[in-house]
Amino acid sequence: MKKLGQIFIALLFVGTLTFANSAFAVEPESSSEYEGIDVSRYQENIDWEAVANAGMEVAIIKSSEGVDYTDPNFEVNYEGAKAAGLKVGFYHFLTATTVEQAREEASFFASIISGKDIDVKPVMDFEDLDGLSVEDINAIALAFAEEVESQTSYPVMVYSNADNATNVFGESLTKYSLWLAQYDGNQPSNDVIWETWAGWQYTDTGSIDGVTGDVDLNIFNDGIFIEATSTEEEPEEQPEQSEEQPTEPSTPESGENSTATTYVVKAGDTLYSIAKMHDTTVSAILANNNLANPNLIHPGVELTISNMSSYLINWGDTLWSLSKKFGTTVEALASENNIENPDLIYAGDTLNIPQ
């Protein structure tokens, strides 16, 4: 966390510093402040020790784009930032033009960051909006965010410029933290539909030791962190599972209601491809197998693949996300469980999963 004088230096180029609780600015999600950068292959070779020594505390790294592109500097940036002691997160550049494509991209994003030591909420960077209606944009964005949550169990953060956060993105996305890109003032705009912001990218032409050329500079607060969210949602002591706040992870119930098969890894397999093959998820495979490195699986290794027939609903689940998780449909889940309103399910209830 930085002192006010250090923050002043970081913001000096954009004008006179005004406090975050000004009536003319959207409020920060928390009062803490951290300096950080976001990077991709365009920053080329980064000296992460120098970045840390320059006072940066957070690095958000581009991991992926579309359904098959991984940033070539993703791994080296991750390893370097972690070794330098920075808090690390990842963003995916969304190119989908349909809801189904959005879900495919979300699954790909989840598979790329699986197994990484992540501090920051996974970020949706959706700015390629040409040819899409506002309705389509919001449906695509929401589908991507919900699928990422379902696949990773992490809350999502939305990256947006001020115009899209004001005029394009809708209320359905405001349940996710906002990382706002706005370069024309000394505080985030109060016009955005979000009530708070977790990150503010205040320039894309910044300069910092360890990075050659321009780099995005940001002020972040506790709202960006996964741990801060999970701490708020989980009570300190939960000896018994309550109906309102289940504590068990999204894994199948044991005993008669679950079965398992085995799969022998073949050359060219990834956890993502195996999960798709068996209508399950990467996180479900990880939950059932003790893998030292989820990004490195060897041919001949035998994996346990659960075939779930019942499921304990967790907070944030929807029938749509569960239908994708178990390879079924919303209609089949609703019919199997006598659900009159498919848009309304309750944490703590148990669903029967059609096989």
Protein backbone atom coordinates (compact mmCIF):
# COMPACT_ATOMS: atom_id res chain seq x y z
CA MET A 1 0.00 0.00 0.00
CA LYS A 2 1.39 3.43 -0.95
CA LYS A 3 1.56 6.63 1.07
CA LEU A 4 -0.35 9.66 -0.22
CA GLY A 5 2.85 11.39 -1.29
CA GLN A 6 3.83 8.42 -3.47
CA ILE A 7 0.39 8.31 -5.05
CA PHE A 8 0.67 12.03 -5.75
CA ILE A 9 3.88 11.49 -7.69
CA ALA A 10 2.27 8.69 -9.72
CA LEU A 11 -0.67 10.91 -10.71
CA LEU A 12 1.13 14.23 -11.13
CA PHE A 13 1.09 14.17 -14.92
CA VAL A 14 -2.70 14.05 -15.15
CA GLY A 15 -3.36 17.12 -13.03
CA THR A 16 -3.96 18.20 -9.47
CA LEU A 17 -4.70 15.32 -7.10
CA THR A 18 -8.22 15.23 -5.70
CA PHE A 19 -9.47 12.73 -3.17
CA ALA A 20 -11.30 9.59 -4.25
CA ASN A 21 -14.38 10.48 -2.23
CA SER A 22 -14.98 13.65 -4.24
CA ALA A 23 -18.59 14.22 -5.23
CA PHE A 24 -17.42 14.32 -8.85
CA ALA A 25 -15.91 10.85 -8.97
CA VAL A 26 -17.20 7.30 -8.72
CA GLU A 27 -16.17 5.84 -5.36
CA PRO A 28 -13.31 3.30 -5.04
CA GLU A 29 -14.30 -0.20 -3.95
CA SER A 30 -11.95 0.10 -0.97
CA SER A 31 -9.70 2.77 0.54
CA SER A 32 -6.46 0.87 -0.06
CA GLU A 33 -4.30 1.80 -3.04
CA TYR A 34 -1.68 -0.14 -4.97
CA GLU A 35 0.32 0.85 -8.02
CA GLY A 36 0.44 -1.61 -10.90
CA ILE A 37 0.99 -2.25 -14.59
CA ASP A 38 -0.69 -4.43 -17.20
CA VAL A 39 1.37 -6.01 -19.95
CA SER A 40 1.34 -8.25 -23.00
CA ARG A 41 3.81 -9.33 -25.66
CA TYR A 42 4.08 -5.70 -26.79
CA GLN A 43 6.25 -4.88 -23.75
CA GLU A 44 8.69 -7.58 -24.90
CA ASN A 45 11.44 -8.39 -22.36
CA ILE A 46 10.55 -7.03 -18.93
CA ASP A 47 12.97 -6.73 -16.00
CA TRP A 48 10.50 -7.61 -13.26
CA GLU A 49 12.95 -6.95 -10.42
CA ALA A 50 13.36 -3.40 -11.70
CA VAL A 51 9.58 -3.05 -11.99
CA ALA A 52 9.17 -4.11 -8.36
CA ASN A 53 11.98 -1.80 -7.24
CA ALA A 54 10.20 1.07 -9.00
CA GLY A 55 7.28 0.62 -6.60
CA MET A 56 4.90 -1.50 -8.65
CA GLU A 57 2.92 -3.99 -6.56
CA VAL A 58 0.48 -5.52 -9.08
CA ALA A 59 0.91 -7.00 -12.57
CA ILE A 60 -2.03 -8.00 -14.75
CA ILE A 61 -0.76 -10.09 -17.65
CA LYS A 62 -2.42 -10.92 -20.94
CA SER A 63 -2.90 -14.67 -21.10
CA SER A 64 -5.10 -15.32 -24.09
CA GLU A 65 -7.38 -14.16 -26.90
CA GLY A 66 -10.17 -15.88 -28.80
CA VAL A 67 -10.32 -19.68 -28.50
CA ASP A 68 -6.76 -20.67 -29.42
CA TYR A 69 -4.32 -17.77 -28.95
CA THR A 70 -1.97 -17.67 -25.96
CA ASP A 71 0.17 -14.56 -25.52
CA PRO A 72 3.75 -15.67 -26.29
CA ASN A 73 5.09 -13.81 -23.23
CA PHE A 74 2.40 -15.15 -20.87
CA GLU A 75 4.51 -17.75 -19.08
CA VAL A 76 7.72 -15.71 -18.83
CA ASN A 77 5.80 -12.66 -17.57
CA TYR A 78 3.98 -14.78 -14.99
CA GLU A 79 7.17 -16.39 -13.70
CA GLY A 80 9.04 -13.07 -13.63
CA ALA A 81 6.31 -11.11 -11.86
CA LYS A 82 5.81 -13.84 -9.25
CA ALA A 83 9.54 -14.15 -8.62
CA ALA A 84 9.72 -10.37 -8.08
CA GLY A 85 6.98 -10.56 -5.43
CA LEU A 86 4.19 -8.82 -7.34
CA LYS A 87 0.50 -9.68 -6.99
CA VAL A 88 -0.45 -11.28 -10.31
CA GLY A 89 -3.61 -11.55 -12.40
CA PHE A 90 -4.52 -12.36 -16.00
CA TYR A 91 -6.74 -10.89 -18.68
CA HIS A 92 -8.39 -12.40 -21.74
CA PHE A 93 -9.12 -10.33 -24.86
CA LEU A 94 -12.65 -11.35 -25.85
CA THR A 95 -13.40 -11.54 -29.59
CA ALA A 96 -16.70 -13.47 -29.49
CA THR A 97 -19.67 -12.35 -31.57
CA THR A 98 -22.14 -14.89 -30.12
CA VAL A 99 -22.99 -16.17 -26.66
CA GLU A 100 -21.80 -19.67 -27.56
CA GLN A 101 -18.43 -18.32 -28.73
CA ALA A 102 -18.17 -16.36 -25.48
CA ARG A 103 -18.56 -19.54 -23.45
CA GLU A 104 -15.96 -21.32 -25.57
CA GLU A 105 -13.52 -18.45 -25.00
CA ALA A 106 -14.23 -18.53 -21.27
CA SER A 107 -13.40 -22.25 -21.16
CA PHE A 108 -10.18 -21.62 -23.06
CA PHE A 109 -9.22 -18.75 -20.71
CA ALA A 110 -9.91 -20.95 -17.68
CA SER A 111 -7.75 -23.74 -19.09
CA ILE A 112 -4.83 -21.38 -19.78
CA ILE A 113 -4.71 -19.95 -16.24
CA SER A 114 -5.50 -23.24 -14.51
CA GLY A 115 -2.88 -24.17 -11.93
CA LYS A 116 -1.39 -20.68 -11.71
CA ASP A 117 -0.98 -18.87 -8.37
CA ILE A 118 -3.50 -16.08 -8.97
CA ASP A 119 -4.03 -13.07 -6.71
CA VAL A 120 -6.24 -10.90 -8.93
CA LYS A 121 -9.72 -11.67 -10.25
CA PRO A 122 -9.65 -12.97 -13.86
CA VAL A 123 -10.28 -10.04 -16.19
CA MET A 124 -12.61 -9.81 -19.19
CA ASP A 125 -11.27 -7.32 -21.76
CA PHE A 126 -14.15 -6.86 -24.20
CA GLU A 127 -13.58 -3.84 -26.45
CA ASP A 128 -13.90 -5.21 -29.99
CA LEU A 129 -17.59 -4.33 -30.28
CA ASP A 130 -17.98 -3.40 -33.95
CA GLY A 131 -21.13 -4.77 -35.60
CA LEU A 132 -22.74 -5.83 -32.32
CA SER A 133 -25.89 -4.43 -30.77
CA VAL A 134 -25.89 -3.29 -27.16
CA GLU A 135 -28.13 -6.24 -26.32
CA ASP A 136 -25.71 -8.68 -27.98
CA ILE A 137 -22.70 -7.10 -26.28
CA ASN A 138 -24.19 -7.51 -22.83
CA ALA A 139 -25.37 -11.07 -23.49
CA ILE A 140 -21.89 -12.05 -24.73
CA ALA A 141 -20.12 -10.32 -21.83
CA LEU A 142 -22.38 -11.88 -19.20
CA ALA A 143 -22.06 -15.36 -20.72
CA PHE A 144 -18.26 -15.08 -20.69
CA ALA A 145 -18.12 -13.82 -17.10
CA GLU A 146 -20.52 -16.47 -15.80
CA GLU A 147 -18.66 -19.27 -17.57
CA VAL A 148 -15.29 -18.10 -16.23
CA GLU A 149 -16.76 -18.11 -12.72
CA SER A 150 -18.18 -21.57 -13.27
CA GLN A 151 -14.92 -22.97 -14.63
CA THR A 152 -12.52 -21.34 -12.14
CA SER A 153 -14.66 -20.60 -9.05
CA TYR A 154 -13.09 -17.12 -9.09
CA PRO A 155 -15.04 -13.84 -9.25
CA VAL A 156 -14.49 -11.85 -12.46
CA MET A 157 -13.43 -8.27 -13.11
CA VAL A 158 -14.60 -6.20 -16.11
CA TYR A 159 -12.09 -3.98 -17.94
CA SER A 160 -13.75 -1.11 -19.78
CA ASN A 161 -13.19 2.42 -20.99
CA ALA A 162 -15.41 5.15 -19.55
CA ASP A 163 -17.67 5.39 -22.62
CA ASN A 164 -18.57 1.69 -22.65
CA ALA A 165 -18.94 1.64 -18.86
CA THR A 166 -21.40 4.51 -19.19
CA ASN A 167 -23.32 3.86 -22.41
CA VAL A 168 -22.88 0.21 -23.45
CA PHE A 169 -22.41 -2.24 -20.59
CA GLY A 170 -25.58 -2.82 -18.59
CA GLU A 171 -26.64 -3.34 -15.00
CA SER A 172 -26.22 -7.13 -15.24
CA LEU A 173 -22.43 -6.63 -15.34
CA THR A 174 -22.20 -4.28 -12.37
CA LYS A 175 -22.11 -7.24 -9.98
CA TYR A 176 -18.52 -7.65 -11.18
CA SER A 177 -15.70 -5.33 -10.10
CA LEU A 178 -14.78 -2.56 -12.55
CA TRP A 179 -11.32 -1.83 -13.89
CA LEU A 180 -11.78 1.50 -15.64
CA ALA A 181 -9.54 2.90 -18.40
CA GLN A 182 -9.81 6.69 -18.41
CA TYR A 183 -6.98 9.04 -19.34
CA ASP A 184 -8.66 12.45 -19.44
CA GLY A 185 -8.84 13.45 -15.79
CA ASN A 186 -7.39 13.13 -12.34
CA GLN A 187 -10.07 10.76 -11.05
CA PRO A 188 -12.40 8.10 -12.49
CA SER A 189 -15.60 9.39 -14.09
CA ASN A 190 -18.79 9.55 -12.04
CA ASP A 191 -20.87 8.89 -15.18
CA VAL A 192 -20.23 5.13 -15.26
CA ILE A 193 -23.10 2.88 -14.18
CA TRP A 194 -20.90 1.11 -11.62
CA GLU A 195 -21.10 2.51 -8.09
CA THR A 196 -17.45 1.70 -7.35
CA TRP A 197 -14.18 0.93 -9.14
CA ALA A 198 -11.46 -1.57 -8.25
CA GLY A 199 -8.87 -0.46 -10.79
CA TRP A 200 -8.13 2.78 -12.66
CA GLN A 201 -5.86 2.70 -15.70
CA TYR A 202 -4.91 6.36 -15.90
CA THR A 203 -2.46 6.27 -18.83
CA ASP A 204 -1.38 4.01 -21.67
CA THR A 205 1.84 5.95 -22.28
CA GLY A 206 3.49 5.49 -18.91
CA SER A 207 7.19 4.96 -18.34
CA ILE A 208 8.75 2.79 -15.65
CA ASP A 209 12.07 1.14 -14.90
CA GLY A 210 12.24 -2.40 -16.24
CA VAL A 211 9.92 -1.82 -19.21
CA THR A 212 11.12 -0.53 -22.57
CA GLY A 213 8.70 1.92 -24.17
CA ASP A 214 5.15 2.80 -23.15
CA VAL A 215 3.27 0.82 -20.54
CA ASP A 216 -0.20 1.10 -18.96
CA LEU A 217 -0.12 2.47 -15.41
CA ASN A 218 -2.86 1.83 -12.87
CA ILE A 219 -4.08 2.54 -9.38
CA PHE A 220 -5.76 -0.54 -7.85
CA ASN A 221 -7.51 -1.19 -4.56
CA ASP A 222 -8.52 -4.31 -2.62
CA GLY A 223 -11.49 -4.81 -4.95
CA ILE A 224 -9.24 -6.49 -7.52
CA PHE A 225 -8.17 -9.34 -5.26
CA ILE A 226 -9.70 -12.81 -5.16
CA GLU A 227 -8.83 -13.26 -1.49
CA ALA A 228 -10.64 -10.10 -0.39
CA THR A 229 -13.87 -11.36 -1.99
CA SER A 230 -13.65 -14.88 -0.56
CA THR A 231 -12.93 -13.50 2.91
CA GLU A 232 -16.10 -11.43 2.81
CA GLU A 233 -18.24 -14.34 1.61
CA GLU A 234 -17.06 -17.03 4.06
CA PRO A 235 -17.61 -16.76 7.83
CA GLU A 236 -14.58 -17.49 10.03
CA GLU A 237 -16.13 -20.64 11.52
CA GLN A 238 -18.55 -22.94 9.73
CA PRO A 239 -18.73 -26.22 11.63
CA GLU A 240 -21.89 -27.18 9.80
CA GLN A 241 -23.09 -26.44 6.31
CA SER A 242 -25.93 -23.92 6.33
CA GLU A 243 -28.61 -23.60 3.72
CA GLU A 244 -27.85 -19.93 3.12
CA GLN A 245 -24.05 -20.22 2.93
CA PRO A 246 -22.73 -23.64 1.87
CA THR A 247 -19.04 -24.10 2.56
CA GLU A 248 -18.25 -27.12 0.43
CA PRO A 249 -16.68 -26.52 -3.00
CA SER A 250 -18.51 -27.35 -6.19
CA THR A 251 -17.71 -31.06 -6.16
CA PRO A 252 -19.99 -34.09 -6.43
CA GLU A 253 -21.60 -35.60 -3.39
CA SER A 254 -20.00 -38.84 -2.25
CA GLY A 255 -21.55 -42.28 -1.88
CA GLU A 256 -24.29 -43.76 -4.02
CA ASN A 257 -24.89 -40.54 -5.94
CA SER A 258 -21.56 -40.39 -7.76
CA THR A 259 -19.57 -42.73 -9.94
CA ALA A 260 -16.12 -42.39 -11.45
CA THR A 261 -14.26 -43.64 -14.47
CA THR A 262 -10.58 -43.58 -15.31
CA TYR A 263 -8.84 -42.12 -18.34
CA VAL A 264 -5.26 -42.76 -19.44
CA VAL A 265 -3.60 -39.61 -20.77
CA LYS A 266 -2.50 -39.78 -24.40
CA ALA A 267 0.11 -37.75 -26.25
CA GLY A 268 -1.27 -34.31 -27.10
CA ASP A 269 -3.91 -34.34 -24.36
CA THR A 270 -4.49 -31.30 -22.14
CA LEU A 271 -6.75 -31.04 -19.11
CA TYR A 272 -8.99 -28.77 -21.16
CA SER A 273 -9.36 -31.30 -23.99
CA ILE A 274 -9.93 -34.15 -21.52
CA ALA A 275 -12.58 -32.12 -19.68
CA LYS A 276 -14.41 -31.40 -22.94
CA MET A 277 -14.17 -35.07 -23.92
CA HIS A 278 -15.84 -36.19 -20.70
CA ASP A 279 -18.36 -33.35 -20.34
CA THR A 280 -16.72 -32.12 -17.16
CA THR A 281 -14.45 -29.23 -16.16
CA VAL A 282 -10.74 -28.70 -15.55
CA SER A 283 -11.48 -27.77 -11.93
CA ALA A 284 -13.45 -31.01 -11.45
CA ILE A 285 -10.54 -33.08 -12.77
CA LEU A 286 -8.11 -31.21 -10.51
CA ALA A 287 -10.37 -31.89 -7.52
CA ASN A 288 -10.15 -35.64 -8.11
CA ASN A 289 -6.47 -35.96 -9.02
CA ASN A 290 -3.31 -34.94 -7.20
CA LEU A 291 -1.49 -33.17 -10.04
CA ALA A 292 1.71 -31.35 -9.15
CA ASN A 293 1.55 -29.22 -12.30
CA PRO A 294 -1.86 -29.02 -14.05
CA ASN A 295 -0.16 -27.53 -17.13
CA LEU A 296 2.08 -30.59 -17.53
CA ILE A 297 0.47 -34.01 -17.81
CA HIS A 298 2.34 -37.00 -19.17
CA PRO A 299 1.09 -39.77 -21.46
CA GLY A 300 0.30 -42.91 -19.49
CA VAL A 301 -0.91 -41.07 -16.38
CA GLU A 302 -4.27 -42.40 -15.16
CA LEU A 303 -6.84 -39.75 -14.23
CA THR A 304 -10.01 -40.21 -12.21
CA ILE A 305 -13.01 -38.65 -14.01
CA SER A 306 -16.11 -38.24 -11.86
CA ASN A 307 -19.53 -38.92 -13.34
CA MET A 308 -21.76 -36.83 -11.13
CA SER A 309 -25.39 -37.72 -10.60
CA SER A 310 -26.15 -35.16 -7.88
CA TYR A 311 -24.79 -31.72 -7.11
CA LEU A 312 -24.93 -29.34 -4.16
CA ILE A 313 -25.81 -25.85 -5.40
CA ASN A 314 -23.30 -23.13 -4.48
CA TRP A 315 -23.73 -19.38 -4.38
CA GLY A 316 -23.40 -17.94 -7.90
CA ASP A 317 -24.54 -21.12 -9.68
CA THR A 318 -27.17 -20.89 -12.42
CA LEU A 319 -28.94 -23.68 -14.28
CA TRP A 320 -27.19 -22.49 -17.42
CA SER A 321 -23.70 -22.74 -15.90
CA LEU A 322 -24.54 -26.13 -14.40
CA SER A 323 -25.95 -27.43 -17.68
CA LYS A 324 -22.62 -26.61 -19.33
CA LYS A 325 -20.68 -28.09 -16.42
CA PHE A 326 -22.47 -31.44 -16.64
CA GLY A 327 -23.07 -31.63 -20.38
CA THR A 328 -26.86 -31.38 -20.19
CA THR A 329 -29.50 -28.69 -20.78
CA VAL A 330 -31.38 -26.18 -18.66
CA GLU A 331 -34.65 -27.84 -19.66
CA ALA A 332 -33.44 -31.29 -18.59
CA LEU A 333 -32.22 -30.00 -15.21
CA ALA A 334 -35.49 -28.14 -14.59
CA SER A 335 -37.58 -31.17 -15.55
CA GLU A 336 -35.52 -33.64 -13.50
CA ASN A 337 -35.77 -31.46 -10.40
CA ASN A 338 -39.34 -30.10 -10.81
CA ILE A 339 -38.07 -26.52 -11.02
CA GLU A 340 -40.88 -24.19 -12.10
CA ASN A 341 -38.67 -21.12 -12.56
CA PRO A 342 -35.30 -22.01 -14.19
CA ASP A 343 -33.96 -18.58 -13.27
CA LEU A 344 -34.39 -19.22 -9.53
CA ILE A 345 -32.34 -21.85 -7.68
CA TYR A 346 -31.11 -21.81 -4.09
CA ALA A 347 -27.67 -22.38 -2.60
CA GLY A 348 -27.71 -25.45 -0.39
CA ASP A 349 -30.28 -27.36 -2.45
CA THR A 350 -29.25 -30.61 -4.17
CA LEU A 351 -29.85 -31.11 -7.89
CA ASN A 352 -30.29 -34.45 -9.61
CA ILE A 353 -28.13 -34.47 -12.73
CA PRO A 354 -29.58 -36.28 -15.75
CA GLN A 355 -27.09 -38.83 -17.07
